[in-house]
C-alpha atoms as a PDB file:
ATOM      1  CA  MET A   1     -17.948  13.892 -17.158  1.00  0.00           C
ATOM      2  CA  ASN A   2     -16.544  15.483 -13.808  1.00  0.00           C
ATOM      3  CA  GLN A   3     -19.302  17.799 -12.865  1.00  0.00           C
ATOM      4  CA  GLY A   4     -18.280  21.141 -14.580  1.00  0.00           C
ATOM      5  CA  TRP A   5     -14.703  21.234 -13.311  1.00  0.00           C
ATOM      6  CA  GLN A   6     -12.217  20.447 -16.032  1.00  0.00           C
ATOM      7  CA  GLY A   7      -8.779  20.590 -14.215  1.00  0.00           C
ATOM      8  CA  SER A   8      -6.344  23.166 -13.667  1.00  0.00           C
ATOM      9  CA  ARG A   9      -5.319  24.347 -17.300  1.00  0.00           C
ATOM     10  CA  SER A  10      -7.340  26.416 -19.812  1.00  0.00           C
ATOM     11  CA  GLY A  11      -6.153  28.422 -22.915  1.00  0.00           C
ATOM     12  CA  ALA A  12      -2.585  29.171 -23.240  1.00  0.00           C
ATOM     13  CA  GLY A  13      -1.254  27.531 -19.914  1.00  0.00           C
ATOM     14  CA  ALA A  14      -3.468  29.742 -17.622  1.00  0.00           C
ATOM     15  CA  ARG A  15      -4.548  28.247 -14.299  1.00  0.00           C
ATOM     16  CA  GLN A  16      -7.971  27.969 -13.072  1.00  0.00           C
ATOM     17  CA  GLU A  17      -8.108  27.797  -9.154  1.00  0.00           C
ATOM     18  CA  ILE A  18      -9.115  24.280  -8.125  1.00  0.00           C
ATOM     19  CA  PRO A  19     -12.387  24.501  -5.735  1.00  0.00           C
ATOM     20  CA  ILE A  20     -11.334  24.329  -2.088  1.00  0.00           C
ATOM     21  CA  ASP A  21     -13.553  21.131  -1.370  1.00  0.00           C
ATOM     22  CA  ARG A  22     -11.961  19.237  -4.273  1.00  0.00           C
ATOM     23  CA  LEU A  23      -8.488  20.441  -3.405  1.00  0.00           C
ATOM     24  CA  VAL A  24      -8.982  19.013   0.199  1.00  0.00           C
ATOM     25  CA  ARG A  25     -10.145  15.664  -0.928  1.00  0.00           C
ATOM     26  CA  LEU A  26      -7.543  15.343  -3.514  1.00  0.00           C
ATOM     27  CA  ARG A  27      -4.736  16.155  -1.016  1.00  0.00           C
ATOM     28  CA  ARG A  28      -6.456  13.470   1.236  1.00  0.00           C
ATOM     29  CA  ILE A  29      -5.966  11.076  -1.322  1.00  0.00           C
ATOM     30  CA  ARG A  30      -2.451  11.909  -2.018  1.00  0.00           C
ATOM     31  CA  GLY A  31      -1.596  11.726   1.746  1.00  0.00           C
ATOM     32  CA  LEU A  32      -3.367   8.595   2.194  1.00  0.00           C
ATOM     33  CA  ALA A  33      -1.621   6.861  -1.009  1.00  0.00           C
ATOM     34  CA  ARG A  34       1.976   8.108   0.199  1.00  0.00           C
ATOM     35  CA  LEU A  35       1.344   6.631   3.702  1.00  0.00           C
ATOM     36  CA  MET A  36       0.105   3.383   2.447  1.00  0.00           C
ATOM     37  CA  ASP A  37       2.673   3.222  -0.381  1.00  0.00           C
ATOM     38  CA  THR A  38       5.583   5.149  -0.184  1.00  0.00           C
ATOM     39  CA  ALA A  39       6.098   6.833   3.490  1.00  0.00           C
ATOM     40  CA  LEU A  40       9.428   4.878   4.013  1.00  0.00           C
ATOM     41  CA  ARG A  41      12.482   4.756   1.954  1.00  0.00           C
ATOM     42  CA  ILE A  42      15.147   1.950   2.318  1.00  0.00           C
ATOM     43  CA  PRO A  43      18.480   3.960   2.838  1.00  0.00           C
ATOM     44  CA  GLY A  44      20.908   3.589   0.063  1.00  0.00           C
ATOM     45  CA  THR A  45      18.172   2.273  -2.648  1.00  0.00           C
ATOM     46  CA  ARG A  46      15.483   3.695  -4.620  1.00  0.00           C
ATOM     47  CA  LEU A  47      12.867   1.165  -2.974  1.00  0.00           C
ATOM     48  CA  SER A  48      10.177   2.816  -1.077  1.00  0.00           C
ATOM     49  CA  PHE A  49       7.363   1.188   1.070  1.00  0.00           C
ATOM     50  CA  GLY A  50       4.776   2.058   3.313  1.00  0.00           C
ATOM     51  CA  ALA A  51       1.996   1.041   5.911  1.00  0.00           C
ATOM     52  CA  ASP A  52       0.526  -1.383   3.372  1.00  0.00           C
ATOM     53  CA  SER A  53       3.635  -3.576   3.316  1.00  0.00           C
ATOM     54  CA  VAL A  54       3.838  -3.230   7.329  1.00  0.00           C
ATOM     55  CA  ILE A  55       0.448  -3.983   8.226  1.00  0.00           C
ATOM     56  CA  GLY A  56       0.245  -6.404   5.728  1.00  0.00           C
ATOM     57  CA  LEU A  57       2.644  -8.422   7.874  1.00  0.00           C
ATOM     58  CA  ILE A  58      -0.214  -9.088  10.205  1.00  0.00           C
ATOM     59  CA  PRO A  59      -1.771 -12.474   9.035  1.00  0.00           C
ATOM     60  CA  GLY A  60      -5.506 -12.037   7.651  1.00  0.00           C
ATOM     61  CA  VAL A  61      -6.209  -8.749   9.734  1.00  0.00           C
ATOM     62  CA  GLY A  62      -3.247  -6.547   8.082  1.00  0.00           C
ATOM     63  CA  ASP A  63      -4.298  -7.099   4.485  1.00  0.00           C
ATOM     64  CA  PHE A  64      -7.883  -6.568   5.190  1.00  0.00           C
ATOM     65  CA  GLY A  65      -6.985  -3.090   6.993  1.00  0.00           C
ATOM     66  CA  ALA A  66      -4.742  -2.101   3.961  1.00  0.00           C
ATOM     67  CA  ALA A  67      -7.783  -2.924   1.784  1.00  0.00           C
ATOM     68  CA  ALA A  68     -10.321  -1.041   3.721  1.00  0.00           C
ATOM     69  CA  VAL A  69      -8.046   2.378   3.544  1.00  0.00           C
ATOM     70  CA  SER A  70      -7.663   1.709  -0.126  1.00  0.00           C
ATOM     71  CA  LEU A  71     -11.419   1.696  -0.539  1.00  0.00           C
ATOM     72  CA  PHE A  72     -11.644   4.692   1.272  1.00  0.00           C
ATOM     73  CA  ILE A  73      -9.460   6.300  -1.395  1.00  0.00           C
ATOM     74  CA  VAL A  74     -11.784   4.896  -4.187  1.00  0.00           C
ATOM     75  CA  ASN A  75     -14.805   6.172  -2.330  1.00  0.00           C
ATOM     76  CA  GLU A  76     -13.107   9.673  -2.090  1.00  0.00           C
ATOM     77  CA  ALA A  77     -12.585   9.474  -5.851  1.00  0.00           C
ATOM     78  CA  ARG A  78     -16.152   8.608  -6.361  1.00  0.00           C
ATOM     79  CA  ARG A  79     -17.418  11.593  -4.307  1.00  0.00           C
ATOM     80  CA  LEU A  80     -15.002  13.717  -6.678  1.00  0.00           C
ATOM     81  CA  GLY A  81     -17.004  12.596  -9.470  1.00  0.00           C
ATOM     82  CA  VAL A  82     -14.559  10.257 -11.087  1.00  0.00           C
ATOM     83  CA  PRO A  83     -16.543   8.199 -13.775  1.00  0.00           C
ATOM     84  CA  ASN A  84     -17.332   4.640 -13.197  1.00  0.00           C
ATOM     85  CA  ASP A  85     -14.765   3.079 -15.912  1.00  0.00           C
ATOM     86  CA  LYS A  86     -11.875   4.676 -13.751  1.00  0.00           C
ATOM     87  CA  LEU A  87     -13.544   3.673 -10.405  1.00  0.00           C
ATOM     88  CA  LEU A  88     -13.717   0.226 -11.858  1.00  0.00           C
ATOM     89  CA  LYS A  89      -9.930   0.160 -12.783  1.00  0.00           C
ATOM     90  CA  MET A  90      -9.231   1.646  -9.142  1.00  0.00           C
ATOM     91  CA  LEU A  91     -11.125  -1.400  -7.749  1.00  0.00           C
ATOM     92  CA  VAL A  92      -9.152  -3.819  -9.842  1.00  0.00           C
ATOM     93  CA  ASN A  93      -5.903  -2.446  -8.438  1.00  0.00           C
ATOM     94  CA  VAL A  94      -7.211  -2.613  -4.804  1.00  0.00           C
ATOM     95  CA  GLY A  95      -8.446  -6.083  -5.646  1.00  0.00           C
ATOM     96  CA  PHE A  96      -5.330  -7.294  -7.182  1.00  0.00           C
ATOM     97  CA  ASP A  97      -3.195  -5.936  -4.285  1.00  0.00           C
ATOM     98  CA  ALA A  98      -5.296  -7.660  -1.744  1.00  0.00           C
ATOM     99  CA  VAL A  99      -5.342 -10.909  -3.288  1.00  0.00           C
ATOM    100  CA  VAL A 100      -1.736 -11.068  -4.115  1.00  0.00           C
ATOM    101  CA  GLY A 101      -0.488  -9.350  -1.068  1.00  0.00           C
ATOM    102  CA  SER A 102      -2.617 -11.797   1.326  1.00  0.00           C
ATOM    103  CA  VAL A 103      -0.153 -14.647  -0.012  1.00  0.00           C
ATOM    104  CA  PRO A 104       2.448 -15.320   2.918  1.00  0.00           C
ATOM    105  CA  VAL A 105       6.060 -13.781   2.026  1.00  0.00           C
ATOM    106  CA  VAL A 106       5.536 -13.448  -1.518  1.00  0.00           C
ATOM    107  CA  GLY A 107       2.609 -11.058  -0.907  1.00  0.00           C
ATOM    108  CA  ASP A 108       4.831  -9.006   1.406  1.00  0.00           C
ATOM    109  CA  VAL A 109       7.585  -8.576  -1.433  1.00  0.00           C
ATOM    110  CA  PHE A 110       4.884  -7.743  -3.824  1.00  0.00           C
ATOM    111  CA  ASP A 111       3.524  -4.959  -1.604  1.00  0.00           C
ATOM    112  CA  VAL A 112       6.928  -2.960  -1.927  1.00  0.00           C
ATOM    113  CA  TYR A 113       6.748  -3.307  -5.713  1.00  0.00           C
ATOM    114  CA  PHE A 114       2.973  -2.817  -6.547  1.00  0.00           C
ATOM    115  CA  LYS A 115       1.770   0.325  -5.209  1.00  0.00           C
ATOM    116  CA  SER A 116      -2.153   0.425  -5.701  1.00  0.00           C
ATOM    117  CA  ASN A 117      -2.826   3.503  -4.053  1.00  0.00           C
ATOM    118  CA  ARG A 118      -0.378   5.610  -5.905  1.00  0.00           C
ATOM    119  CA  ARG A 119      -1.643   4.107  -9.093  1.00  0.00           C
ATOM    120  CA  ASN A 120      -5.076   5.033  -8.093  1.00  0.00           C
ATOM    121  CA  LEU A 121      -4.120   8.652  -7.338  1.00  0.00           C
ATOM    122  CA  GLN A 122      -2.591   8.924 -10.779  1.00  0.00           C
ATOM    123  CA  LEU A 123      -5.837   7.949 -12.142  1.00  0.00           C
ATOM    124  CA  VAL A 124      -7.735  10.455 -10.361  1.00  0.00           C
ATOM    125  CA  LEU A 125      -5.131  13.161 -11.254  1.00  0.00           C
ATOM    126  CA  ASP A 126      -5.237  12.282 -14.885  1.00  0.00           C
ATOM    127  CA  HIS A 127      -8.843  12.407 -14.990  1.00  0.00           C
ATOM    128  CA  PHE A 128      -8.979  15.994 -13.943  1.00  0.00           C
ATOM    129  CA  GLY A 129      -5.901  16.983 -15.849  1.00  0.00           C
ATOM    130  CA  LEU A 130      -3.695  17.582 -12.727  1.00  0.00           C
ATOM    131  CA  ASP A 131      -0.204  16.675 -11.437  1.00  0.00           C
ATOM    132  CA  HIS A 132       1.166  16.405  -8.179  1.00  0.00           C
ATOM    133  CA  ALA A 133       2.486  20.168  -8.142  1.00  0.00           C
ATOM    134  CA  ASP A 134      -1.325  21.305  -8.739  1.00  0.00           C
ATOM    135  CA  LEU A 135      -1.796  19.820  -5.262  1.00  0.00           C
ATOM    136  CA  ASP A 136       0.891  21.913  -3.653  1.00  0.00           C
ATOM    137  CA  ARG A 137      -0.460  25.377  -4.587  1.00  0.00           C
END
């Protein structure tokens, strides 16, 4: 399971404190996911993109660099105790993003819409029964 800590909710809506080391890791994952997937918004639209889309424009090296950051996020999730089945889903997201993202032009457009790091963040938060607001406390 998740090594003795079962999220922030217990009983009738009561809040448990998130251990500080886990909170730091979860915030780090959230920050990296935001940086890589949604840091910039196109004015007048609901479209956002991040460093993954921008560095992916650099042939070969960009997609490799983005995948390395994504794998760091997966490793942080592993260190938090996320189970192997969810880690596998996270790796599939990263692999799919890396493979399709490496296709010239199509991959660059794909990176704007398929936000693997945000998906992976949500898998981690769901595992611990948390939402984004829990990380802001």
